[in-house]
Amino acid sequence: MSAIDVTIPDIGDFHDIPVIEVLVKPGDTVAVDDSLVTLESDKATMDVPSPAAGTVQAVLVKPGERVGKGAPLMILEAMKMEHTIAAPNAGVVAAVKFRAGDRVKEGEDLVDIDDE
């Protein structure tokens, strides 16, 4: 599992916006786009969505605190990460060593590619 730092997204020309509500606590499970905190500027109220599905590990802000773009809000442990892996060179796939859903260790060869 991987930890993701949840930060304030780009919300325009605002730099000092109060957190009016924290909607989750450590241990809560969230889905992509679930609301995590509510911010309120002089023009609008905005919920900050979760960037990934996972479990809240730590909440780094409290209601009443002021935040700006990039400010850390919480740490989210992702349940599952997906990565696209590019071929390191042109060639013909000679062998695929794993199936979808298999666990692999860091550094393991996933496929054999023969040079053309």
N, C-alpha and C. Protein backbone atom coordinates (compact mmCIF):
# COMPACT_ATOMS: atom_id res chain seq x y z
N MET A 1 0.85 -1.18 0.00
CA MET A 1 0.00 0.00 0.00
C MET A 1 0.89 1.23 0.00
N SER A 2 0.38 2.30 -0.59
CA SER A 2 1.16 3.52 -0.71
C SER A 2 0.46 4.66 -0.01
N ALA A 3 1.25 5.55 0.58
CA ALA A 3 0.69 6.73 1.24
C ALA A 3 0.61 7.86 0.23
N ILE A 4 -0.48 8.59 0.25
CA ILE A 4 -0.71 9.74 -0.63
C ILE A 4 -0.93 10.96 0.26
N ASP A 5 -0.17 12.03 0.01
CA ASP A 5 -0.41 13.29 0.70
C ASP A 5 -1.55 14.00 -0.01
N VAL A 6 -2.62 14.30 0.71
CA VAL A 6 -3.75 15.03 0.14
C VAL A 6 -3.50 16.51 0.42
N THR A 7 -3.50 17.32 -0.65
CA THR A 7 -3.23 18.75 -0.51
C THR A 7 -4.38 19.56 -1.10
N ILE A 8 -4.35 20.86 -0.82
CA ILE A 8 -5.35 21.77 -1.38
C ILE A 8 -5.11 21.88 -2.88
N PRO A 9 -6.14 21.66 -3.69
CA PRO A 9 -5.97 21.83 -5.14
C PRO A 9 -5.90 23.32 -5.49
N ASP A 10 -5.59 23.62 -6.74
CA ASP A 10 -5.56 25.00 -7.21
C ASP A 10 -6.99 25.54 -7.16
N ILE A 11 -7.22 26.52 -6.34
CA ILE A 11 -8.57 27.08 -6.17
C ILE A 11 -8.63 28.53 -6.58
N GLY A 12 -7.72 28.90 -7.48
CA GLY A 12 -7.75 30.26 -7.98
C GLY A 12 -6.84 31.17 -7.19
N ASP A 13 -7.24 32.40 -7.07
CA ASP A 13 -6.39 33.45 -6.49
C ASP A 13 -6.59 33.59 -4.98
N PHE A 14 -6.80 32.46 -4.30
CA PHE A 14 -7.01 32.49 -2.85
C PHE A 14 -5.80 31.89 -2.16
N HIS A 15 -5.37 32.50 -1.06
CA HIS A 15 -4.17 32.04 -0.39
C HIS A 15 -4.38 31.73 1.09
N ASP A 16 -5.45 32.18 1.65
CA ASP A 16 -5.66 32.10 3.09
C ASP A 16 -7.12 31.77 3.36
N ILE A 17 -7.49 30.51 3.12
CA ILE A 17 -8.90 30.11 3.20
C ILE A 17 -9.13 29.26 4.44
N PRO A 18 -10.16 29.58 5.22
CA PRO A 18 -10.41 28.78 6.42
C PRO A 18 -11.02 27.41 6.12
N VAL A 19 -10.56 26.43 6.90
CA VAL A 19 -11.17 25.09 6.91
C VAL A 19 -12.38 25.22 7.82
N ILE A 20 -13.57 24.96 7.29
CA ILE A 20 -14.75 25.10 8.16
C ILE A 20 -15.24 23.76 8.71
N GLU A 21 -14.85 22.66 8.03
CA GLU A 21 -15.26 21.35 8.54
C GLU A 21 -14.31 20.27 8.02
N VAL A 22 -13.94 19.36 8.90
CA VAL A 22 -13.18 18.16 8.52
C VAL A 22 -14.19 17.03 8.54
N LEU A 23 -14.37 16.37 7.39
CA LEU A 23 -15.44 15.40 7.22
C LEU A 23 -15.04 13.95 7.48
N VAL A 24 -13.74 13.72 7.71
CA VAL A 24 -13.25 12.35 7.95
C VAL A 24 -12.32 12.35 9.15
N LYS A 25 -12.00 11.15 9.63
CA LYS A 25 -11.06 11.00 10.75
C LYS A 25 -10.14 9.82 10.44
N PRO A 26 -9.01 9.72 11.13
CA PRO A 26 -8.12 8.59 10.90
C PRO A 26 -8.87 7.27 11.06
N GLY A 27 -8.61 6.36 10.11
CA GLY A 27 -9.27 5.06 10.11
C GLY A 27 -10.46 4.98 9.17
N ASP A 28 -11.00 6.15 8.76
CA ASP A 28 -12.12 6.15 7.83
C ASP A 28 -11.67 5.65 6.46
N THR A 29 -12.54 4.90 5.80
CA THR A 29 -12.31 4.45 4.43
C THR A 29 -13.05 5.40 3.51
N VAL A 30 -12.35 5.87 2.46
CA VAL A 30 -12.96 6.81 1.52
C VAL A 30 -12.83 6.27 0.09
N ALA A 31 -13.74 6.73 -0.77
CA ALA A 31 -13.71 6.41 -2.19
C ALA A 31 -13.19 7.63 -2.95
N VAL A 32 -12.82 7.43 -4.20
CA VAL A 32 -12.41 8.54 -5.04
C VAL A 32 -13.54 9.57 -5.07
N ASP A 33 -13.19 10.82 -4.92
CA ASP A 33 -14.11 11.97 -4.97
C ASP A 33 -14.99 12.13 -3.73
N ASP A 34 -14.84 11.29 -2.70
CA ASP A 34 -15.55 11.56 -1.44
C ASP A 34 -15.03 12.88 -0.88
N SER A 35 -15.89 13.65 -0.27
CA SER A 35 -15.47 14.92 0.34
C SER A 35 -14.68 14.67 1.60
N LEU A 36 -13.54 15.37 1.73
CA LEU A 36 -12.66 15.20 2.89
C LEU A 36 -12.73 16.37 3.86
N VAL A 37 -12.66 17.58 3.33
CA VAL A 37 -12.76 18.79 4.14
C VAL A 37 -13.58 19.83 3.37
N THR A 38 -14.14 20.78 4.11
CA THR A 38 -14.88 21.87 3.49
C THR A 38 -14.13 23.17 3.76
N LEU A 39 -13.91 23.94 2.70
CA LEU A 39 -13.25 25.25 2.78
C LEU A 39 -14.28 26.31 2.44
N GLU A 40 -14.08 27.52 2.98
CA GLU A 40 -15.03 28.59 2.68
C GLU A 40 -14.28 29.89 2.46
N SER A 41 -14.40 30.40 1.23
CA SER A 41 -13.81 31.72 0.92
C SER A 41 -14.93 32.74 1.04
N ASP A 42 -14.60 34.00 0.77
CA ASP A 42 -15.64 35.03 0.82
C ASP A 42 -16.61 34.90 -0.36
N LYS A 43 -16.26 34.07 -1.36
CA LYS A 43 -17.11 33.91 -2.54
C LYS A 43 -17.83 32.57 -2.63
N ALA A 44 -17.27 31.51 -2.02
CA ALA A 44 -17.87 30.18 -2.19
C ALA A 44 -17.43 29.22 -1.11
N THR A 45 -18.19 28.14 -0.97
CA THR A 45 -17.83 27.02 -0.11
C THR A 45 -17.45 25.87 -1.04
N MET A 46 -16.37 25.17 -0.69
CA MET A 46 -15.89 24.10 -1.57
C MET A 46 -15.46 22.90 -0.75
N ASP A 47 -15.90 21.71 -1.17
CA ASP A 47 -15.43 20.47 -0.57
C ASP A 47 -14.20 20.00 -1.35
N VAL A 48 -13.18 19.55 -0.64
CA VAL A 48 -11.98 18.99 -1.28
C VAL A 48 -12.20 17.49 -1.39
N PRO A 49 -12.15 16.96 -2.64
CA PRO A 49 -12.41 15.53 -2.84
C PRO A 49 -11.17 14.67 -2.62
N SER A 50 -11.41 13.42 -2.33
CA SER A 50 -10.32 12.45 -2.19
C SER A 50 -9.76 12.13 -3.57
N PRO A 51 -8.42 12.15 -3.72
CA PRO A 51 -7.83 11.83 -5.02
C PRO A 51 -7.76 10.34 -5.31
N ALA A 52 -8.03 9.50 -4.30
CA ALA A 52 -7.94 8.05 -4.48
C ALA A 52 -8.77 7.35 -3.41
N ALA A 53 -9.08 6.10 -3.66
CA ALA A 53 -9.74 5.27 -2.65
C ALA A 53 -8.69 4.82 -1.65
N GLY A 54 -9.06 4.77 -0.37
CA GLY A 54 -8.11 4.32 0.63
C GLY A 54 -8.59 4.56 2.03
N THR A 55 -7.63 4.55 2.96
CA THR A 55 -7.92 4.75 4.38
C THR A 55 -7.19 5.99 4.86
N VAL A 56 -7.90 6.85 5.58
CA VAL A 56 -7.30 8.06 6.14
C VAL A 56 -6.35 7.65 7.26
N GLN A 57 -5.07 7.99 7.12
CA GLN A 57 -4.07 7.66 8.12
C GLN A 57 -3.88 8.79 9.13
N ALA A 58 -3.94 10.05 8.65
CA ALA A 58 -3.76 11.19 9.55
C ALA A 58 -4.46 12.40 8.96
N VAL A 59 -5.07 13.19 9.82
CA VAL A 59 -5.67 14.47 9.43
C VAL A 59 -4.74 15.56 9.95
N LEU A 60 -4.29 16.44 9.06
CA LEU A 60 -3.26 17.43 9.41
C LEU A 60 -3.81 18.83 9.64
N VAL A 61 -5.13 19.02 9.50
CA VAL A 61 -5.74 20.34 9.72
C VAL A 61 -6.91 20.22 10.67
N LYS A 62 -7.30 21.36 11.24
CA LYS A 62 -8.46 21.43 12.13
C LYS A 62 -9.38 22.54 11.65
N PRO A 63 -10.67 22.46 11.97
CA PRO A 63 -11.56 23.56 11.63
C PRO A 63 -11.03 24.87 12.20
N GLY A 64 -11.11 25.91 11.40
CA GLY A 64 -10.63 27.22 11.81
C GLY A 64 -9.24 27.55 11.30
N GLU A 65 -8.45 26.53 10.95
CA GLU A 65 -7.12 26.77 10.38
C GLU A 65 -7.28 27.37 8.99
N ARG A 66 -6.29 28.17 8.59
CA ARG A 66 -6.30 28.78 7.27
C ARG A 66 -5.25 28.06 6.41
N VAL A 67 -5.65 27.79 5.14
CA VAL A 67 -4.79 27.04 4.24
C VAL A 67 -4.74 27.71 2.87
N GLY A 68 -3.76 27.33 2.08
CA GLY A 68 -3.63 27.80 0.71
C GLY A 68 -3.29 26.64 -0.20
N LYS A 69 -3.13 26.93 -1.49
CA LYS A 69 -2.82 25.90 -2.48
C LYS A 69 -1.58 25.11 -2.06
N GLY A 70 -1.69 23.78 -2.14
CA GLY A 70 -0.57 22.90 -1.81
C GLY A 70 -0.43 22.58 -0.34
N ALA A 71 -1.23 23.19 0.51
CA ALA A 71 -1.13 22.92 1.95
C ALA A 71 -1.54 21.47 2.22
N PRO A 72 -0.77 20.75 3.04
CA PRO A 72 -1.13 19.36 3.34
C PRO A 72 -2.36 19.30 4.23
N LEU A 73 -3.30 18.44 3.85
CA LEU A 73 -4.54 18.28 4.60
C LEU A 73 -4.56 16.98 5.39
N MET A 74 -4.14 15.91 4.75
CA MET A 74 -4.17 14.61 5.39
C MET A 74 -3.30 13.64 4.63
N ILE A 75 -3.09 12.47 5.24
CA ILE A 75 -2.36 11.39 4.60
C ILE A 75 -3.34 10.25 4.40
N LEU A 76 -3.39 9.77 3.17
CA LEU A 76 -4.32 8.72 2.77
C LEU A 76 -3.51 7.51 2.33
N GLU A 77 -3.82 6.35 2.88
CA GLU A 77 -3.15 5.13 2.43
C GLU A 77 -4.00 4.53 1.32
N ALA A 78 -3.41 4.46 0.13
CA ALA A 78 -4.14 3.96 -1.04
C ALA A 78 -4.31 2.45 -0.93
N MET A 79 -5.45 1.99 -1.28
CA MET A 79 -5.73 0.56 -1.22
C MET A 79 -5.08 -0.18 -2.38
N LYS A 80 -4.95 0.49 -3.48
CA LYS A 80 -4.44 -0.17 -4.67
C LYS A 80 -3.89 0.90 -5.59
N MET A 81 -2.69 0.69 -6.08
CA MET A 81 -2.10 1.63 -7.02
C MET A 81 -1.98 0.94 -8.36
N GLU A 82 -2.20 1.68 -9.41
CA GLU A 82 -2.09 1.12 -10.75
C GLU A 82 -1.04 1.92 -11.50
N HIS A 83 -0.11 1.22 -12.12
CA HIS A 83 0.97 1.88 -12.86
C HIS A 83 1.03 1.30 -14.27
N THR A 84 1.23 2.14 -15.25
CA THR A 84 1.47 1.69 -16.62
C THR A 84 2.97 1.58 -16.78
N ILE A 85 3.41 0.42 -17.21
CA ILE A 85 4.84 0.17 -17.37
C ILE A 85 5.15 0.10 -18.86
N ALA A 86 6.07 0.93 -19.30
CA ALA A 86 6.43 0.98 -20.71
C ALA A 86 7.56 0.01 -21.02
N ALA A 87 7.56 -0.49 -22.26
CA ALA A 87 8.64 -1.37 -22.71
C ALA A 87 9.95 -0.59 -22.69
N PRO A 88 11.02 -1.19 -22.17
CA PRO A 88 12.30 -0.48 -22.09
C PRO A 88 12.99 -0.37 -23.44
N ASN A 89 12.58 -1.22 -24.40
CA ASN A 89 13.17 -1.17 -25.73
C ASN A 89 12.21 -1.84 -26.72
N ALA A 90 12.43 -1.60 -28.02
CA ALA A 90 11.61 -2.22 -29.05
C ALA A 90 11.96 -3.70 -29.14
N GLY A 91 11.00 -4.52 -29.48
CA GLY A 91 11.27 -5.94 -29.62
C GLY A 91 10.00 -6.75 -29.66
N VAL A 92 10.15 -8.05 -29.51
CA VAL A 92 9.03 -8.99 -29.54
C VAL A 92 8.89 -9.57 -28.13
N VAL A 93 7.67 -9.58 -27.62
CA VAL A 93 7.42 -10.15 -26.30
C VAL A 93 7.62 -11.66 -26.39
N ALA A 94 8.59 -12.17 -25.65
CA ALA A 94 8.90 -13.59 -25.67
C ALA A 94 8.17 -14.34 -24.56
N ALA A 95 7.94 -13.67 -23.42
CA ALA A 95 7.26 -14.33 -22.30
C ALA A 95 6.66 -13.28 -21.38
N VAL A 96 5.48 -13.58 -20.88
CA VAL A 96 4.83 -12.77 -19.85
C VAL A 96 4.88 -13.61 -18.58
N LYS A 97 5.49 -13.07 -17.53
CA LYS A 97 5.79 -13.87 -16.35
C LYS A 97 4.73 -13.80 -15.24
N PHE A 98 3.77 -12.89 -15.37
CA PHE A 98 2.73 -12.75 -14.35
C PHE A 98 1.39 -12.57 -15.02
N ARG A 99 0.31 -12.81 -14.24
CA ARG A 99 -1.06 -12.59 -14.71
C ARG A 99 -1.65 -11.39 -13.98
N ALA A 100 -2.70 -10.82 -14.51
CA ALA A 100 -3.40 -9.71 -13.85
C ALA A 100 -3.81 -10.16 -12.45
N GLY A 101 -3.52 -9.33 -11.47
CA GLY A 101 -3.88 -9.63 -10.08
C GLY A 101 -2.76 -10.26 -9.28
N ASP A 102 -1.70 -10.76 -9.95
CA ASP A 102 -0.57 -11.35 -9.23
C ASP A 102 0.19 -10.26 -8.48
N ARG A 103 0.78 -10.62 -7.34
CA ARG A 103 1.66 -9.71 -6.61
C ARG A 103 3.08 -9.91 -7.12
N VAL A 104 3.78 -8.81 -7.29
CA VAL A 104 5.17 -8.87 -7.75
C VAL A 104 6.04 -8.10 -6.76
N LYS A 105 7.29 -8.52 -6.67
CA LYS A 105 8.24 -7.85 -5.80
C LYS A 105 9.01 -6.81 -6.62
N GLU A 106 9.48 -5.79 -5.95
CA GLU A 106 10.28 -4.77 -6.61
C GLU A 106 11.47 -5.41 -7.30
N GLY A 107 11.69 -5.01 -8.54
CA GLY A 107 12.86 -5.49 -9.30
C GLY A 107 12.60 -6.76 -10.11
N GLU A 108 11.45 -7.41 -9.92
CA GLU A 108 11.18 -8.64 -10.68
C GLU A 108 10.91 -8.30 -12.15
N ASP A 109 11.37 -9.16 -13.06
CA ASP A 109 11.08 -9.02 -14.48
C ASP A 109 9.65 -9.44 -14.73
N LEU A 110 8.90 -8.58 -15.40
CA LEU A 110 7.49 -8.88 -15.68
C LEU A 110 7.32 -9.57 -17.02
N VAL A 111 8.14 -9.18 -17.99
CA VAL A 111 8.09 -9.79 -19.32
C VAL A 111 9.52 -9.93 -19.84
N ASP A 112 9.69 -10.86 -20.78
CA ASP A 112 10.95 -10.97 -21.52
C ASP A 112 10.68 -10.40 -22.91
N ILE A 113 11.57 -9.50 -23.35
CA ILE A 113 11.43 -8.91 -24.68
C ILE A 113 12.71 -9.23 -25.46
N ASP A 114 12.52 -9.91 -26.61
CA ASP A 114 13.64 -10.22 -27.48
C ASP A 114 13.83 -9.06 -28.46
N ASP A 115 15.07 -8.71 -28.72
CA ASP A 115 15.36 -7.66 -29.70
C ASP A 115 14.86 -8.10 -31.08
N GLU A 116 14.42 -7.13 -31.86
CA GLU A 116 13.96 -7.43 -33.22
C GLU A 116 15.12 -7.70 -34.13
